[in-house]
Amino acid sequence: MDGPSLSIIVPVYAAEPYMERCARSLFGQTPEDIEYIFIDDCSPDRSVDVLLRTLEDYPARRPQVKIHRMPRNSGQAAVHVKGLE
């Protein structure tokens, strides 16, 4: 099988207060064949910084994490489409 068996797409916009808890919950999952796709929809806060700082506690997960930044704020529908690409 090519690629992971499970992909999780996480839209990121103004999620700074929740990002660490979200990331820890995701990275603590037991499946190893999983990828995490975080799509930053031009968040006005430090959500991605919190994500990156939290990821430091899960070095084995780093290869499974993809972080994409939208060129402009596009809304959840466009973010999900980007994640599916």
N, C-alpha and C. Protein backbone atom coordinates (compact mmCIF):
# COMPACT_ATOMS: atom_id res chain seq x y z
N MET A 1 0.85 -1.18 0.00
CA MET A 1 0.00 0.00 0.00
C MET A 1 0.89 1.23 0.00
N ASP A 2 0.57 2.21 -0.83
CA ASP A 2 1.31 3.45 -0.87
C ASP A 2 0.70 4.45 0.10
N GLY A 3 1.53 5.12 0.85
CA GLY A 3 1.06 6.17 1.75
C GLY A 3 0.41 5.61 3.00
N PRO A 4 0.01 6.52 3.86
CA PRO A 4 -0.59 6.12 5.13
C PRO A 4 -2.01 5.58 4.94
N SER A 5 -2.45 4.77 5.90
CA SER A 5 -3.80 4.23 5.83
C SER A 5 -4.84 5.20 6.38
N LEU A 6 -4.38 6.24 7.10
CA LEU A 6 -5.28 7.22 7.68
C LEU A 6 -4.67 8.60 7.59
N SER A 7 -5.45 9.55 7.08
CA SER A 7 -5.02 10.95 7.01
C SER A 7 -6.01 11.79 7.80
N ILE A 8 -5.49 12.67 8.63
CA ILE A 8 -6.33 13.58 9.40
C ILE A 8 -6.04 14.99 8.94
N ILE A 9 -7.07 15.68 8.48
CA ILE A 9 -6.95 17.05 8.01
C ILE A 9 -7.45 17.97 9.12
N VAL A 10 -6.61 18.91 9.53
CA VAL A 10 -6.96 19.82 10.61
C VAL A 10 -6.88 21.25 10.10
N PRO A 11 -8.04 21.93 9.92
CA PRO A 11 -8.01 23.35 9.57
C PRO A 11 -7.49 24.15 10.76
N VAL A 12 -6.64 25.12 10.49
CA VAL A 12 -6.07 25.93 11.57
C VAL A 12 -6.41 27.39 11.30
N TYR A 13 -7.22 27.95 12.17
CA TYR A 13 -7.53 29.39 12.10
C TYR A 13 -7.95 29.85 13.50
N ALA A 14 -7.18 30.75 14.07
CA ALA A 14 -7.47 31.31 15.39
C ALA A 14 -7.70 30.21 16.42
N ALA A 15 -6.83 29.21 16.42
CA ALA A 15 -6.98 28.05 17.30
C ALA A 15 -5.93 28.01 18.40
N GLU A 16 -5.23 29.11 18.60
CA GLU A 16 -4.13 29.12 19.57
C GLU A 16 -4.52 28.56 20.94
N PRO A 17 -5.69 28.94 21.50
CA PRO A 17 -6.03 28.42 22.83
C PRO A 17 -6.27 26.91 22.86
N TYR A 18 -6.52 26.30 21.71
CA TYR A 18 -6.89 24.89 21.63
C TYR A 18 -5.83 24.02 20.96
N MET A 19 -4.87 24.65 20.31
CA MET A 19 -3.95 23.91 19.45
C MET A 19 -3.12 22.89 20.21
N GLU A 20 -2.57 23.24 21.35
CA GLU A 20 -1.73 22.28 22.07
C GLU A 20 -2.54 21.05 22.46
N ARG A 21 -3.70 21.25 23.01
CA ARG A 21 -4.53 20.11 23.42
C ARG A 21 -4.92 19.25 22.22
N CYS A 22 -5.27 19.90 21.12
CA CYS A 22 -5.62 19.17 19.89
C CYS A 22 -4.44 18.35 19.40
N ALA A 23 -3.27 18.97 19.31
CA ALA A 23 -2.09 18.29 18.79
C ALA A 23 -1.68 17.12 19.69
N ARG A 24 -1.70 17.34 20.99
CA ARG A 24 -1.33 16.25 21.91
C ARG A 24 -2.31 15.08 21.79
N SER A 25 -3.57 15.39 21.62
CA SER A 25 -4.57 14.34 21.45
C SER A 25 -4.31 13.54 20.17
N LEU A 26 -4.00 14.24 19.10
CA LEU A 26 -3.74 13.56 17.82
C LEU A 26 -2.43 12.78 17.85
N PHE A 27 -1.36 13.40 18.33
CA PHE A 27 -0.05 12.76 18.32
C PHE A 27 0.03 11.59 19.30
N GLY A 28 -0.86 11.56 20.27
CA GLY A 28 -0.88 10.48 21.23
C GLY A 28 -1.63 9.25 20.77
N GLN A 29 -2.19 9.28 19.57
CA GLN A 29 -2.92 8.13 19.04
C GLN A 29 -1.95 6.98 18.77
N THR A 30 -2.47 5.78 18.85
CA THR A 30 -1.61 4.61 18.68
C THR A 30 -1.32 4.20 17.25
N PRO A 31 -2.19 4.46 16.27
CA PRO A 31 -1.85 4.03 14.92
C PRO A 31 -0.53 4.66 14.44
N GLU A 32 0.31 3.84 13.88
CA GLU A 32 1.58 4.34 13.36
C GLU A 32 1.47 4.75 11.90
N ASP A 33 0.53 4.16 11.18
CA ASP A 33 0.37 4.42 9.75
C ASP A 33 -0.66 5.54 9.56
N ILE A 34 -0.28 6.75 9.98
CA ILE A 34 -1.19 7.88 10.00
C ILE A 34 -0.43 9.12 9.56
N GLU A 35 -1.12 10.03 8.91
CA GLU A 35 -0.51 11.32 8.59
C GLU A 35 -1.43 12.43 9.11
N TYR A 36 -0.81 13.51 9.51
CA TYR A 36 -1.53 14.67 10.04
C TYR A 36 -1.29 15.82 9.08
N ILE A 37 -2.37 16.37 8.55
CA ILE A 37 -2.28 17.47 7.60
C ILE A 37 -2.92 18.69 8.25
N PHE A 38 -2.08 19.65 8.63
CA PHE A 38 -2.57 20.89 9.22
C PHE A 38 -2.55 21.96 8.14
N ILE A 39 -3.69 22.59 7.92
CA ILE A 39 -3.81 23.63 6.90
C ILE A 39 -4.03 24.96 7.60
N ASP A 40 -3.02 25.81 7.56
CA ASP A 40 -3.10 27.14 8.17
C ASP A 40 -3.82 28.08 7.20
N ASP A 41 -4.99 28.50 7.60
CA ASP A 41 -5.80 29.40 6.76
C ASP A 41 -5.50 30.86 7.10
N CYS A 42 -4.19 31.20 7.12
CA CYS A 42 -3.71 32.54 7.44
C CYS A 42 -4.19 32.97 8.83
N SER A 43 -4.01 32.10 9.78
CA SER A 43 -4.45 32.37 11.14
C SER A 43 -3.80 33.64 11.68
N PRO A 44 -4.58 34.50 12.34
CA PRO A 44 -4.04 35.77 12.85
C PRO A 44 -3.31 35.62 14.19
N ASP A 45 -3.28 34.42 14.74
CA ASP A 45 -2.63 34.22 16.03
C ASP A 45 -1.41 33.30 15.87
N ARG A 46 -0.97 32.72 16.95
CA ARG A 46 0.24 31.88 16.93
C ARG A 46 -0.08 30.39 16.97
N SER A 47 -1.16 30.02 16.34
CA SER A 47 -1.58 28.62 16.33
C SER A 47 -0.48 27.69 15.81
N VAL A 48 0.14 28.05 14.72
CA VAL A 48 1.17 27.19 14.12
C VAL A 48 2.40 27.14 15.01
N ASP A 49 2.75 28.24 15.66
CA ASP A 49 3.88 28.22 16.60
C ASP A 49 3.61 27.24 17.74
N VAL A 50 2.39 27.25 18.25
CA VAL A 50 2.01 26.32 19.32
C VAL A 50 2.10 24.89 18.80
N LEU A 51 1.62 24.66 17.60
CA LEU A 51 1.70 23.33 16.99
C LEU A 51 3.15 22.86 16.90
N LEU A 52 4.01 23.69 16.38
CA LEU A 52 5.42 23.32 16.21
C LEU A 52 6.09 23.07 17.56
N ARG A 53 5.77 23.89 18.54
CA ARG A 53 6.34 23.71 19.87
C ARG A 53 5.87 22.38 20.48
N THR A 54 4.60 22.06 20.30
CA THR A 54 4.04 20.80 20.81
C THR A 54 4.66 19.61 20.09
N LEU A 55 4.87 19.74 18.80
CA LEU A 55 5.45 18.66 18.01
C LEU A 55 6.85 18.29 18.49
N GLU A 56 7.56 19.22 19.10
CA GLU A 56 8.89 18.93 19.64
C GLU A 56 8.85 17.81 20.68
N ASP A 57 7.71 17.65 21.34
CA ASP A 57 7.56 16.58 22.35
C ASP A 57 7.26 15.22 21.71
N TYR A 58 7.05 15.19 20.40
CA TYR A 58 6.71 13.96 19.67
C TYR A 58 7.61 13.82 18.44
N PRO A 59 8.91 13.70 18.62
CA PRO A 59 9.82 13.67 17.47
C PRO A 59 9.54 12.53 16.49
N ALA A 60 9.01 11.42 16.96
CA ALA A 60 8.71 10.31 16.06
C ALA A 60 7.56 10.64 15.11
N ARG A 61 6.73 11.59 15.48
CA ARG A 61 5.59 11.98 14.65
C ARG A 61 5.98 12.99 13.57
N ARG A 62 7.12 13.64 13.70
CA ARG A 62 7.49 14.71 12.77
C ARG A 62 7.38 14.31 11.30
N PRO A 63 7.86 13.13 10.90
CA PRO A 63 7.75 12.75 9.49
C PRO A 63 6.31 12.58 9.02
N GLN A 64 5.39 12.40 9.96
CA GLN A 64 3.99 12.18 9.61
C GLN A 64 3.18 13.48 9.53
N VAL A 65 3.81 14.60 9.87
CA VAL A 65 3.10 15.88 9.94
C VAL A 65 3.41 16.73 8.73
N LYS A 66 2.36 17.23 8.11
CA LYS A 66 2.48 18.18 7.00
C LYS A 66 1.75 19.45 7.42
N ILE A 67 2.40 20.58 7.22
CA ILE A 67 1.78 21.87 7.53
C ILE A 67 1.80 22.70 6.26
N HIS A 68 0.63 23.07 5.80
CA HIS A 68 0.49 23.89 4.60
C HIS A 68 -0.12 25.23 5.00
N ARG A 69 0.31 26.28 4.35
CA ARG A 69 -0.27 27.61 4.59
C ARG A 69 -1.01 28.05 3.33
N MET A 70 -2.26 28.42 3.51
CA MET A 70 -3.04 28.94 2.39
C MET A 70 -2.48 30.31 2.00
N PRO A 71 -2.54 30.68 0.72
CA PRO A 71 -2.00 31.98 0.30
C PRO A 71 -2.82 33.16 0.85
N ARG A 72 -4.09 32.90 1.14
CA ARG A 72 -4.95 33.92 1.74
C ARG A 72 -6.06 33.19 2.50
N ASN A 73 -6.71 33.86 3.40
CA ASN A 73 -7.79 33.26 4.15
C ASN A 73 -8.87 32.84 3.17
N SER A 74 -9.20 31.55 3.18
CA SER A 74 -10.08 31.00 2.15
C SER A 74 -11.32 30.31 2.69
N GLY A 75 -11.39 30.07 3.99
CA GLY A 75 -12.56 29.40 4.56
C GLY A 75 -12.37 27.90 4.63
N GLN A 76 -13.23 27.26 5.44
CA GLN A 76 -13.07 25.84 5.72
C GLN A 76 -13.22 24.95 4.49
N ALA A 77 -14.13 25.28 3.60
CA ALA A 77 -14.32 24.43 2.42
C ALA A 77 -13.04 24.35 1.59
N ALA A 78 -12.41 25.51 1.34
CA ALA A 78 -11.18 25.53 0.55
C ALA A 78 -10.04 24.83 1.30
N VAL A 79 -10.03 24.96 2.61
CA VAL A 79 -9.00 24.31 3.42
C VAL A 79 -9.13 22.80 3.31
N HIS A 80 -10.35 22.28 3.37
CA HIS A 80 -10.55 20.83 3.24
C HIS A 80 -10.17 20.34 1.85
N VAL A 81 -10.48 21.10 0.84
CA VAL A 81 -10.07 20.73 -0.52
C VAL A 81 -8.55 20.65 -0.61
N LYS A 82 -7.86 21.65 -0.05
CA LYS A 82 -6.40 21.65 -0.06
C LYS A 82 -5.86 20.43 0.68
N GLY A 83 -6.48 20.09 1.79
CA GLY A 83 -6.06 18.91 2.55
C GLY A 83 -6.23 17.62 1.78
N LEU A 84 -7.27 17.55 0.99
CA LEU A 84 -7.52 16.34 0.20
C LEU A 84 -6.55 16.20 -0.96
N GLU A 85 -6.03 17.33 -1.42
CA GLU A 85 -5.05 17.28 -2.52
C GLU A 85 -3.81 16.54 -2.05
